[in-house]
C-alpha atoms as a PDB file:
ATOM      1  CA  MET A   1     120.205  84.272 110.906  1.00  0.00           C
ATOM      2  CA  PRO A   2     116.583  83.519 109.954  1.00  0.00           C
ATOM      3  CA  PRO A   3     115.223  85.007 106.732  1.00  0.00           C
ATOM      4  CA  ALA A   4     113.595  88.421 106.832  1.00  0.00           C
ATOM      5  CA  ARG A   5     109.896  88.283 107.612  1.00  0.00           C
ATOM      6  CA  ILE A   6     108.415  89.297 104.285  1.00  0.00           C
ATOM      7  CA  GLY A   7     104.711  89.022 103.593  1.00  0.00           C
ATOM      8  CA  VAL A   8     101.199  89.745 104.706  1.00  0.00           C
ATOM      9  CA  LYS A   9      97.945  87.850 104.857  1.00  0.00           C
ATOM     10  CA  VAL A  10      95.213  88.597 102.333  1.00  0.00           C
ATOM     11  CA  SER A  11      92.191  90.103 104.034  1.00  0.00           C
ATOM     12  CA  PRO A  12      89.144  87.790 104.103  1.00  0.00           C
ATOM     13  CA  LYS A  13      87.336  90.608 102.244  1.00  0.00           C
ATOM     14  CA  THR A  14      89.863  90.685  99.406  1.00  0.00           C
ATOM     15  CA  SER A  15      88.086  90.467  96.085  1.00  0.00           C
ATOM     16  CA  VAL A  16      89.112  87.557  93.882  1.00  0.00           C
ATOM     17  CA  GLU A  17      87.827  87.683  90.327  1.00  0.00           C
ATOM     18  CA  GLU A  18      87.194  84.372  88.574  1.00  0.00           C
ATOM     19  CA  THR A  19      86.694  84.101  84.807  1.00  0.00           C
ATOM     20  CA  THR A  20      86.955  81.580  82.011  1.00  0.00           C
ATOM     21  CA  PRO A  21      90.390  82.061  80.402  1.00  0.00           C
ATOM     22  CA  THR A  22      90.692  82.852  76.720  1.00  0.00           C
ATOM     23  CA  ARG A  23      92.966  80.889  74.408  1.00  0.00           C
ATOM     24  CA  ASP A  24      95.288  83.917  74.217  1.00  0.00           C
ATOM     25  CA  GLN A  25      95.653  83.872  78.012  1.00  0.00           C
ATOM     26  CA  LEU A  26      96.708  80.225  77.850  1.00  0.00           C
ATOM     27  CA  THR A  27      99.319  80.602  75.128  1.00  0.00           C
ATOM     28  CA  PHE A  28     102.365  78.443  75.761  1.00  0.00           C
ATOM     29  CA  HIS A  29     104.424  80.173  73.059  1.00  0.00           C
ATOM     30  CA  GLY A  30     105.024  83.849  73.680  1.00  0.00           C
ATOM     31  CA  ARG A  31     103.523  86.326  76.102  1.00  0.00           C
ATOM     32  CA  PRO A  32      99.768  86.689  76.664  1.00  0.00           C
ATOM     33  CA  PRO A  33      98.074  90.082  76.145  1.00  0.00           C
ATOM     34  CA  GLN A  34      98.757  92.514  78.986  1.00  0.00           C
ATOM     35  CA  VAL A  35      95.556  93.510  80.777  1.00  0.00           C
ATOM     36  CA  GLU A  36      95.251  96.418  83.194  1.00  0.00           C
ATOM     37  CA  ASP A  37      91.481  96.699  83.733  1.00  0.00           C
ATOM     38  CA  ASP A  38      90.067  96.747  87.250  1.00  0.00           C
ATOM     39  CA  LEU A  39      88.745  93.735  89.146  1.00  0.00           C
ATOM     40  CA  LYS A  40      85.078  92.865  88.682  1.00  0.00           C
ATOM     41  CA  ASP A  41      82.673  91.050  90.963  1.00  0.00           C
ATOM     42  CA  SER A  42      82.202  87.614  89.440  1.00  0.00           C
ATOM     43  CA  PRO A  43      80.523  84.359  90.440  1.00  0.00           C
ATOM     44  CA  ARG A  44      82.246  80.991  90.092  1.00  0.00           C
ATOM     45  CA  ALA A  45      83.142  80.751  86.388  1.00  0.00           C
ATOM     46  CA  ARG A  46      82.877  77.821  84.031  1.00  0.00           C
ATOM     47  CA  PRO A  47      86.310  76.363  83.310  1.00  0.00           C
ATOM     48  CA  LEU A  48      87.978  76.021  79.953  1.00  0.00           C
ATOM     49  CA  THR A  49      88.714  72.318  79.570  1.00  0.00           C
ATOM     50  CA  MET A  50      91.880  71.103  77.875  1.00  0.00           C
ATOM     51  CA  GLY A  51      92.348  67.330  77.927  1.00  0.00           C
ATOM     52  CA  ASN A  52      91.842  66.160  81.504  1.00  0.00           C
ATOM     53  CA  ILE A  53      92.299  69.639  82.995  1.00  0.00           C
ATOM     54  CA  ASP A  54      89.735  72.296  83.944  1.00  0.00           C
ATOM     55  CA  ILE A  55      91.324  75.769  83.898  1.00  0.00           C
ATOM     56  CA  ARG A  56      90.027  78.949  85.540  1.00  0.00           C
ATOM     57  CA  ARG A  57      91.588  82.403  85.582  1.00  0.00           C
ATOM     58  CA  LEU A  58      91.778  84.188  88.923  1.00  0.00           C
ATOM     59  CA  ARG A  59      92.823  87.753  89.669  1.00  0.00           C
ATOM     60  CA  PHE A  60      93.389  89.525  92.982  1.00  0.00           C
ATOM     61  CA  ARG A  61      95.023  92.757  94.067  1.00  0.00           C
ATOM     62  CA  GLY A  62      98.540  92.542  95.467  1.00  0.00           C
ATOM     63  CA  THR A  63      99.836  94.581  98.383  1.00  0.00           C
ATOM     64  CA  GLN A  64     101.333  97.198  96.033  1.00  0.00           C
ATOM     65  CA  GLY A  65      97.985  97.724  94.302  1.00  0.00           C
ATOM     66  CA  GLU A  66      98.799  95.757  91.148  1.00  0.00           C
ATOM     67  CA  ILE A  67      96.389  93.111  89.926  1.00  0.00           C
ATOM     68  CA  VAL A  68      97.877  89.600  90.086  1.00  0.00           C
ATOM     69  CA  PRO A  69      96.529  87.145  87.471  1.00  0.00           C
ATOM     70  CA  ALA A  70      96.761  83.406  88.094  1.00  0.00           C
ATOM     71  CA  LEU A  71      95.588  80.153  86.536  1.00  0.00           C
ATOM     72  CA  LEU A  72      93.922  77.431  88.592  1.00  0.00           C
ATOM     73  CA  CYS A  73      94.077  73.932  87.085  1.00  0.00           C
ATOM     74  CA  THR A  74      91.953  71.132  88.552  1.00  0.00           C
ATOM     75  CA  PRO A  75      91.043  67.583  87.469  1.00  0.00           C
ATOM     76  CA  LYS A  76      88.336  67.653  84.786  1.00  0.00           C
ATOM     77  CA  SER A  77      84.716  67.565  85.984  1.00  0.00           C
ATOM     78  CA  LYS A  78      85.650  66.805  89.593  1.00  0.00           C
ATOM     79  CA  ALA A  79      84.547  68.850  92.576  1.00  0.00           C
ATOM     80  CA  GLY A  80      87.458  68.263  94.942  1.00  0.00           C
ATOM     81  CA  PRO A  81      88.648  69.364  97.359  1.00  0.00           C
ATOM     82  CA  PHE A  82      92.132  68.771  95.943  1.00  0.00           C
ATOM     83  CA  PRO A  83      95.558  69.097  97.533  1.00  0.00           C
ATOM     84  CA  LEU A  84      97.401  72.039  95.998  1.00  0.00           C
ATOM     85  CA  ALA A  85     100.751  72.702  94.375  1.00  0.00           C
ATOM     86  CA  ILE A  86     101.607  76.341  93.677  1.00  0.00           C
ATOM     87  CA  ALA A  87     103.832  76.592  90.597  1.00  0.00           C
ATOM     88  CA  VAL A  88     106.091  79.588  89.952  1.00  0.00           C
ATOM     89  CA  HIS A  89     107.468  80.223  86.473  1.00  0.00           C
ATOM     90  CA  GLY A  90     110.954  81.173  85.362  1.00  0.00           C
ATOM     91  CA  LEU A  91     112.445  84.445  84.138  1.00  0.00           C
ATOM     92  CA  GLY A  92     110.757  85.646  80.949  1.00  0.00           C
ATOM     93  CA  SER A  93     108.107  82.923  81.232  1.00  0.00           C
ATOM     94  CA  ASN A  94     104.531  83.082  82.528  1.00  0.00           C
ATOM     95  CA  LYS A  95     101.822  81.194  84.397  1.00  0.00           C
ATOM     96  CA  ALA A  96     100.531  79.345  81.321  1.00  0.00           C
ATOM     97  CA  GLN A  97     103.962  77.957  80.507  1.00  0.00           C
ATOM     98  CA  VAL A  98     104.633  76.573  83.983  1.00  0.00           C
ATOM     99  CA  CYS A  99     101.112  75.096  84.020  1.00  0.00           C
ATOM    100  CA  GLY A 100     101.896  73.432  80.694  1.00  0.00           C
ATOM    101  CA  GLN A 101     105.029  71.935  82.212  1.00  0.00           C
ATOM    102  CA  LEU A 102     103.649  70.720  85.537  1.00  0.00           C
ATOM    103  CA  ALA A 103      99.852  70.564  85.509  1.00  0.00           C
ATOM    104  CA  PRO A 104      99.334  67.467  83.290  1.00  0.00           C
ATOM    105  CA  ALA A 105     101.473  65.238  85.509  1.00  0.00           C
ATOM    106  CA  LEU A 106     100.137  66.687  88.780  1.00  0.00           C
ATOM    107  CA  ILE A 107      96.501  66.462  87.661  1.00  0.00           C
ATOM    108  CA  ARG A 108      97.031  62.735  87.047  1.00  0.00           C
ATOM    109  CA  GLN A 109      98.149  62.491  90.677  1.00  0.00           C
ATOM    110  CA  GLY A 110      94.948  64.195  91.879  1.00  0.00           C
ATOM    111  CA  PHE A 111      96.481  67.608  92.627  1.00  0.00           C
ATOM    112  CA  ALA A 112      95.321  71.077  91.684  1.00  0.00           C
ATOM    113  CA  VAL A 113      97.868  73.603  90.411  1.00  0.00           C
ATOM    114  CA  LEU A 114      97.741  77.352  91.018  1.00  0.00           C
ATOM    115  CA  ALA A 115     100.236  79.513  89.072  1.00  0.00           C
ATOM    116  CA  PRO A 116     100.516  83.329  89.241  1.00  0.00           C
ATOM    117  CA  ASP A 117     102.194  85.756  86.869  1.00  0.00           C
ATOM    118  CA  THR A 118     105.059  87.357  88.809  1.00  0.00           C
ATOM    119  CA  PRO A 119     105.696  91.123  88.504  1.00  0.00           C
ATOM    120  CA  VAL A 120     106.514  92.392  84.949  1.00  0.00           C
ATOM    121  CA  HIS A 121     105.690  88.947  83.492  1.00  0.00           C
ATOM    122  CA  GLY A 122     102.761  87.449  81.606  1.00  0.00           C
ATOM    123  CA  GLU A 123      99.642  89.612  81.625  1.00  0.00           C
ATOM    124  CA  ARG A 124     101.209  92.142  83.977  1.00  0.00           C
ATOM    125  CA  PRO A 125     102.625  95.474  82.807  1.00  0.00           C
ATOM    126  CA  GLY A 126     106.367  95.877  82.519  1.00  0.00           C
ATOM    127  CA  ASP A 127     109.375  94.237  80.942  1.00  0.00           C
ATOM    128  CA  PRO A 128     111.033  91.087  82.379  1.00  0.00           C
ATOM    129  CA  ARG A 129     114.400  92.570  81.417  1.00  0.00           C
ATOM    130  CA  GLU A 130     114.038  94.781  84.506  1.00  0.00           C
ATOM    131  CA  VAL A 131     114.872  91.672  86.518  1.00  0.00           C
ATOM    132  CA  TRP A 132     117.953  90.437  84.673  1.00  0.00           C
ATOM    133  CA  GLN A 133     119.644  93.400  82.957  1.00  0.00           C
ATOM    134  CA  LYS A 134     121.451  94.280  86.202  1.00  0.00           C
ATOM    135  CA  LYS A 135     121.041  98.016  85.592  1.00  0.00           C
ATOM    136  CA  ASP A 136     119.174  98.575  88.861  1.00  0.00           C
ATOM    137  CA  TRP A 137     119.764  95.908  91.506  1.00  0.00           C
ATOM    138  CA  LEU A 138     117.456  97.546  94.041  1.00  0.00           C
ATOM    139  CA  ARG A 139     114.614  97.608  91.504  1.00  0.00           C
ATOM    140  CA  ALA A 140     115.186  93.924  90.731  1.00  0.00           C
ATOM    141  CA  ILE A 141     115.208  93.061  94.440  1.00  0.00           C
ATOM    142  CA  GLU A 142     111.991  95.024  94.959  1.00  0.00           C
ATOM    143  CA  LEU A 143     110.323  93.047  92.154  1.00  0.00           C
ATOM    144  CA  HIS A 144     111.427  89.807  93.809  1.00  0.00           C
ATOM    145  CA  ARG A 145     110.178  91.029  97.182  1.00  0.00           C
ATOM    146  CA  ARG A 146     106.751  91.696  95.667  1.00  0.00           C
ATOM    147  CA  ALA A 147     106.753  88.271  94.024  1.00  0.00           C
ATOM    148  CA  ILE A 148     107.529  86.613  97.356  1.00  0.00           C
ATOM    149  CA  ILE A 149     104.595  88.383  99.011  1.00  0.00           C
ATOM    150  CA  GLU A 150     102.256  87.545  96.142  1.00  0.00           C
ATOM    151  CA  ILE A 151     103.140  83.846  96.191  1.00  0.00           C
ATOM    152  CA  ARG A 152     102.134  83.825  99.850  1.00  0.00           C
ATOM    153  CA  GLN A 153      98.951  85.686  98.946  1.00  0.00           C
ATOM    154  CA  CYS A 154      98.180  82.867  96.494  1.00  0.00           C
ATOM    155  CA  ILE A 155      98.135  80.519  99.481  1.00  0.00           C
ATOM    156  CA  ASP A 156      95.724  82.859 101.248  1.00  0.00           C
ATOM    157  CA  VAL A 157      93.449  83.000  98.191  1.00  0.00           C
ATOM    158  CA  ALA A 158      93.508  79.195  97.906  1.00  0.00           C
ATOM    159  CA  GLU A 159      92.535  78.786 101.580  1.00  0.00           C
ATOM    160  CA  ALA A 160      89.208  80.496 100.859  1.00  0.00           C
ATOM    161  CA  ARG A 161      88.208  78.055  98.075  1.00  0.00           C
ATOM    162  CA  SER A 162      85.989  75.066  98.761  1.00  0.00           C
ATOM    163  CA  ASP A 163      87.503  73.083  95.862  1.00  0.00           C
ATOM    164  CA  LEU A 164      90.981  73.150  97.417  1.00  0.00           C
ATOM    165  CA  ASP A 165      92.117  71.328 100.565  1.00  0.00           C
ATOM    166  CA  LEU A 166      94.798  73.263 102.435  1.00  0.00           C
ATOM    167  CA  SER A 167      94.138  71.631 105.791  1.00  0.00           C
ATOM    168  CA  ARG A 168      97.623  70.113 105.674  1.00  0.00           C
ATOM    169  CA  GLY A 169      99.351  72.909 103.784  1.00  0.00           C
ATOM    170  CA  ILE A 170     100.626  73.093 100.219  1.00  0.00           C
ATOM    171  CA  VAL A 171     103.541  72.103  97.995  1.00  0.00           C
ATOM    172  CA  LEU A 172     105.652  74.712  96.214  1.00  0.00           C
ATOM    173  CA  ALA A 173     107.197  74.022  92.814  1.00  0.00           C
ATOM    174  CA  GLY A 174     109.377  76.495  90.951  1.00  0.00           C
ATOM    175  CA  TYR A 175     111.362  76.615  87.725  1.00  0.00           C
ATOM    176  CA  SER A 176     114.631  78.592  87.544  1.00  0.00           C
ATOM    177  CA  MET A 177     113.700  82.079  88.854  1.00  0.00           C
ATOM    178  CA  GLY A 178     110.649  80.416  90.400  1.00  0.00           C
ATOM    179  CA  SER A 179     112.981  78.124  92.340  1.00  0.00           C
ATOM    180  CA  TRP A 180     114.865  81.154  93.655  1.00  0.00           C
ATOM    181  CA  LEU A 181     111.608  82.711  94.846  1.00  0.00           C
ATOM    182  CA  ASP A 182     110.330  79.440  96.326  1.00  0.00           C
ATOM    183  CA  SER A 183     113.552  78.889  98.249  1.00  0.00           C
ATOM    184  CA  ILE A 184     112.700  82.066 100.171  1.00  0.00           C
ATOM    185  CA  VAL A 185     108.912  81.657 100.393  1.00  0.00           C
ATOM    186  CA  GLY A 186     109.118  78.075 101.681  1.00  0.00           C
ATOM    187  CA  PRO A 187     111.177  78.815 104.795  1.00  0.00           C
ATOM    188  CA  LEU A 188     109.051  81.910 105.512  1.00  0.00           C
ATOM    189  CA  ASP A 189     105.671  80.223 105.384  1.00  0.00           C
ATOM    190  CA  GLU A 190     104.853  77.233 107.573  1.00  0.00           C
ATOM    191  CA  ARG A 191     101.973  76.286 105.281  1.00  0.00           C
ATOM    192  CA  VAL A 192     104.557  75.114 102.732  1.00  0.00           C
ATOM    193  CA  GLN A 193     105.064  71.445 103.614  1.00  0.00           C
ATOM    194  CA  ALA A 194     107.329  70.378 100.725  1.00  0.00           C
ATOM    195  CA  MET A 195     109.148  71.932  97.761  1.00  0.00           C
ATOM    196  CA  VAL A 196     110.411  71.004  94.310  1.00  0.00           C
ATOM    197  CA  LEU A 197     113.093  73.322  92.928  1.00  0.00           C
ATOM    198  CA  MET A 198     113.690  72.761  89.198  1.00  0.00           C
ATOM    199  CA  VAL A 199     116.969  74.077  87.752  1.00  0.00           C
ATOM    200  CA  GLY A 200     117.461  75.989  90.982  1.00  0.00           C
ATOM    201  CA  GLY A 201     120.797  77.164  92.334  1.00  0.00           C
ATOM    202  CA  ALA A 202     122.567  80.000  94.097  1.00  0.00           C
ATOM    203  CA  THR A 203     125.434  82.368  93.431  1.00  0.00           C
ATOM    204  CA  ASP A 204     128.161  82.889  95.994  1.00  0.00           C
ATOM    205  CA  ALA A 205     127.587  86.542  96.841  1.00  0.00           C
ATOM    206  CA  ALA A 206     130.456  88.639  98.170  1.00  0.00           C
ATOM    207  CA  PRO A 207     130.434  88.740 102.005  1.00  0.00           C
ATOM    208  CA  PHE A 208     129.788  92.476 102.154  1.00  0.00           C
ATOM    209  CA  MET A 209     126.658  92.077  99.993  1.00  0.00           C
ATOM    210  CA  LYS A 210     125.171  89.760 102.590  1.00  0.00           C
ATOM    211  CA  LEU A 211     125.272  92.663 105.054  1.00  0.00           C
ATOM    212  CA  LEU A 212     122.839  94.690 102.941  1.00  0.00           C
ATOM    213  CA  PRO A 213     119.292  93.876 104.130  1.00  0.00           C
ATOM    214  CA  GLN A 214     117.798  94.342 100.643  1.00  0.00           C
ATOM    215  CA  LEU A 215     120.165  91.737  99.205  1.00  0.00           C
ATOM    216  CA  ALA A 216     120.329  89.403 102.193  1.00  0.00           C
ATOM    217  CA  MET A 217     116.552  88.902 102.184  1.00  0.00           C
ATOM    218  CA  ALA A 218     116.767  87.695  98.574  1.00  0.00           C
ATOM    219  CA  ASP A 219     119.604  85.224  99.181  1.00  0.00           C
ATOM    220  CA  PRO A 220     118.472  81.567  98.968  1.00  0.00           C
ATOM    221  CA  LEU A 221     121.634  80.474 100.788  1.00  0.00           C
ATOM    222  CA  GLN A 222     120.515  82.355 103.888  1.00  0.00           C
ATOM    223  CA  ALA A 223     116.850  81.400 103.647  1.00  0.00           C
ATOM    224  CA  LEU A 224     116.830  77.724 102.662  1.00  0.00           C
ATOM    225  CA  PRO A 225     118.557  76.376 105.821  1.00  0.00           C
ATOM    226  CA  HIS A 226     115.352  77.351 107.670  1.00  0.00           C
ATOM    227  CA  PHE A 227     113.317  74.806 105.706  1.00  0.00           C
ATOM    228  CA  ALA A 228     114.493  72.127 108.134  1.00  0.00           C
ATOM    229  CA  GLY A 229     112.280  69.086 108.605  1.00  0.00           C
ATOM    230  CA  ARG A 230     110.277  69.635 105.417  1.00  0.00           C
ATOM    231  CA  PRO A 231     111.034  67.530 102.308  1.00  0.00           C
ATOM    232  CA  LEU A 232     112.903  69.100  99.394  1.00  0.00           C
ATOM    233  CA  LEU A 233     113.579  67.802  95.878  1.00  0.00           C
ATOM    234  CA  MET A 234     115.978  69.546  93.492  1.00  0.00           C
ATOM    235  CA  LEU A 235     116.018  68.676  89.773  1.00  0.00           C
ATOM    236  CA  ASN A 236     118.986  69.926  87.750  1.00  0.00           C
ATOM    237  CA  GLY A 237     120.635  69.578  84.356  1.00  0.00           C
ATOM    238  CA  LYS A 238     124.215  68.322  84.118  1.00  0.00           C
ATOM    239  CA  PHE A 239     124.947  70.663  81.213  1.00  0.00           C
ATOM    240  CA  ASP A 240     123.048  73.743  82.385  1.00  0.00           C
ATOM    241  CA  SER A 241     125.015  76.894  81.514  1.00  0.00           C
ATOM    242  CA  THR A 242     122.432  79.227  83.101  1.00  0.00           C
ATOM    243  CA  VAL A 243     122.165  77.627  86.543  1.00  0.00           C
ATOM    244  CA  THR A 244     125.433  75.731  86.477  1.00  0.00           C
ATOM    245  CA  PRO A 245     125.989  72.439  88.316  1.00  0.00           C
ATOM    246  CA  GLU A 246     128.235  74.353  90.732  1.00  0.00           C
ATOM    247  CA  MET A 247     125.383  76.732  91.571  1.00  0.00           C
ATOM    248  CA  ALA A 248     122.960  73.809  91.969  1.00  0.00           C
ATOM    249  CA  LYS A 249     125.324  71.920  94.265  1.00  0.00           C
ATOM    250  CA  ARG A 250     125.891  75.066  96.336  1.00  0.00           C
ATOM    251  CA  LEU A 251     122.159  75.456  97.013  1.00  0.00           C
ATOM    252  CA  PHE A 252     121.701  71.744  97.710  1.00  0.00           C
ATOM    253  CA  ALA A 253     124.542  71.877 100.251  1.00  0.00           C
ATOM    254  CA  ALA A 254     122.789  74.747 102.044  1.00  0.00           C
ATOM    255  CA  ALA A 255     119.492  72.866 102.256  1.00  0.00           C
ATOM    256  CA  PRO A 256     118.630  70.970 105.444  1.00  0.00           C
ATOM    257  CA  GLU A 257     117.358  67.387 105.625  1.00  0.00           C
ATOM    258  CA  PRO A 258     115.299  65.713 104.294  1.00  0.00           C
ATOM    259  CA  LYS A 259     116.482  66.465 100.770  1.00  0.00           C
ATOM    260  CA  GLN A 260     117.145  64.806  97.434  1.00  0.00           C
ATOM    261  CA  GLN A 261     118.787  65.998  94.220  1.00  0.00           C
ATOM    262  CA  LYS A 262     118.279  64.377  90.835  1.00  0.00           C
ATOM    263  CA  TRP A 263     120.394  65.099  87.749  1.00  0.00           C
ATOM    264  CA  TYR A 264     119.369  64.909  84.090  1.00  0.00           C
ATOM    265  CA  GLU A 265     121.339  64.703  80.854  1.00  0.00           C
ATOM    266  CA  SER A 266     120.118  68.174  79.881  1.00  0.00           C
ATOM    267  CA  GLY A 267     120.796  71.868  79.941  1.00  0.00           C
ATOM    268  CA  HIS A 268     118.530  74.522  81.474  1.00  0.00           C
ATOM    269  CA  ARG A 269     115.489  72.959  79.831  1.00  0.00           C
ATOM    270  CA  LEU A 270     114.686  69.750  81.659  1.00  0.00           C
ATOM    271  CA  PRO A 271     113.300  66.735  79.754  1.00  0.00           C
ATOM    272  CA  GLU A 272     109.595  65.893  79.928  1.00  0.00           C
ATOM    273  CA  GLY A 273     110.348  63.012  82.273  1.00  0.00           C
ATOM    274  CA  ALA A 274     111.486  65.483  84.928  1.00  0.00           C
ATOM    275  CA  TYR A 275     107.939  66.798  85.353  1.00  0.00           C
ATOM    276  CA  GLU A 276     106.637  63.253  85.797  1.00  0.00           C
ATOM    277  CA  ASP A 277     109.390  62.643  88.367  1.00  0.00           C
ATOM    278  CA  ALA A 278     108.393  65.824  90.200  1.00  0.00           C
ATOM    279  CA  ALA A 279     104.699  64.886  90.247  1.00  0.00           C
ATOM    280  CA  LYS A 280     105.359  61.334  91.464  1.00  0.00           C
ATOM    281  CA  TRP A 281     107.646  62.641  94.220  1.00  0.00           C
ATOM    282  CA  ILE A 282     105.043  65.209  95.273  1.00  0.00           C
ATOM    283  CA  ALA A 283     102.295  62.571  95.411  1.00  0.00           C
ATOM    284  CA  ALA A 284     104.439  60.090  97.359  1.00  0.00           C
ATOM    285  CA  THR A 285     105.689  62.758  99.752  1.00  0.00           C
ATOM    286  CA  TRP A 286     102.167  64.062 100.324  1.00  0.00           C
ATOM    287  CA  GLU A 287     100.946  60.568 101.121  1.00  0.00           C
ATOM    288  CA  GLN A 288     103.719  60.195 103.697  1.00  0.00           C
ATOM    289  CA  LEU A 289     102.998  63.599 105.217  1.00  0.00           C
ATOM    290  CA  SER A 290      99.277  62.813 105.385  1.00  0.00           C
ATOM    291  CA  ALA A 291      99.973  59.530 107.146  1.00  0.00           C
ATOM    292  CA  LEU A 292     102.195  61.277 109.679  1.00  0.00           C
ATOM    293  CA  ALA A 293      99.547  63.926 110.305  1.00  0.00           C
ATOM    294  CA  ALA A 294      96.739  61.411 110.790  1.00  0.00           C
ATOM    295  CA  PRO A 295      95.384  61.138 114.356  1.00  0.00           C
ATOM    296  CA  THR A 296      96.987  58.379 116.387  1.00  0.00           C
ATOM    297  CA  ASP A 297      94.898  55.936 118.408  1.00  0.00           C
ATOM    298  CA  PRO A 298      96.029  56.500 122.035  1.00  0.00           C
ATOM    299  CA  ALA A 299      95.516  52.811 122.757  1.00  0.00           C
ATOM    300  CA  SER A 300      98.039  51.859 120.086  1.00  0.00           C
ATOM    301  CA  THR A 301     100.962  53.656 121.738  1.00  0.00           C
ATOM    302  CA  SER A 302     102.288  53.471 125.266  1.00  0.00           C
ATOM    303  CA  HIS A 303     104.242  56.741 125.065  1.00  0.00           C
ATOM    304  CA  PRO A 304     104.324  59.894 122.940  1.00  0.00           C
ATOM    305  CA  THR A 305     106.283  59.710 119.708  1.00  0.00           C
ATOM    306  CA  GLU A 306     108.164  62.426 117.899  1.00  0.00           C
ATOM    307  CA  ARG A 307     107.031  63.530 114.458  1.00  0.00           C
ATOM    308  CA  VAL A 308     109.491  62.254 111.886  1.00  0.00           C
ATOM    309  CA  SER A 309     109.628  63.866 108.434  1.00  0.00           C
ATOM    310  CA  PRO A 310     109.550  61.628 105.342  1.00  0.00           C
ATOM    311  CA  GLN A 311     113.006  60.409 104.346  1.00  0.00           C
ATOM    312  CA  SER A 312     114.507  61.905 107.532  1.00  0.00           C
ATOM    313  CA  SER A 313     115.737  58.505 108.613  1.00  0.00           C
ATOM    314  CA  SER A 314     117.927  58.236 105.534  1.00  0.00           C
ATOM    315  CA  ARG A 315     120.838  60.301 104.326  1.00  0.00           C
ATOM    316  CA  SER A 316     120.336  62.971 101.694  1.00  0.00           C
ATOM    317  CA  ARG A 317     120.598  61.711  98.144  1.00  0.00           C
ATOM    318  CA  SER A 318     122.158  63.330  95.090  1.00  0.00           C
ATOM    319  CA  ASN A 319     122.031  61.157  92.010  1.00  0.00           C
END
């Protein structure tokens, strides 16, 4: 059964506010200040530069009326347009933390990174414990549903920017809870051409729970098989007690080809080298996808050829 069709397109008239982020909004340790003021009309803002990264803060209104803050990281002093990776943070984390993990390595590969705060996280009102305390499953599922829609809205927002190149789609990258969300967004949205799921996995829900639409639509095991033909990389820790190796192997088994799983001598917190591995894989995969999408000279072929996904000619790898 295909995943439930969750999501809407952002209207071309949707207001997107752009500002220069403050240091407090970029804090890697702790939660940034929660802001609830309304959106303002704003021209293209000057970035805050950190190392080789230019950072801008974007905000747009989600489908439920809440303002969604996001950080856009691009290579320093370059105009683009850049290919884009959308990064989704883990439970209790925020957009600045996932940018700190992934943006440095991806910027060196020439990518831009766009990372939103998911509901009740980061600058947004609410308490992340609403997601994991298990007191109200339907509330938690509703928060995940909103996050799924808003990640897709981030793609819509990015399509309207001249400094980003979405002509061939985007890459999704998620950490822990972000991997759970991405494993549903990716199959839903054809603009997602590749995914990296870091410390991602899946529980084995009771059969009767899969019959409940609210729960079934949030089940990666039902969604991920519909990512067929698009490259997937999973990065997991051998000693992870949060997303256990059993959970990681269960999700990897549900994923279609082409796919690869890489294991680290770590727990739920992956080593720094994992982010470099993710960025190098994204860059190499994007180069392959770009080559496959390039126009073919009719004179060079005597008959039509089928589109072959990167790595599809080889067996899946789990190392």
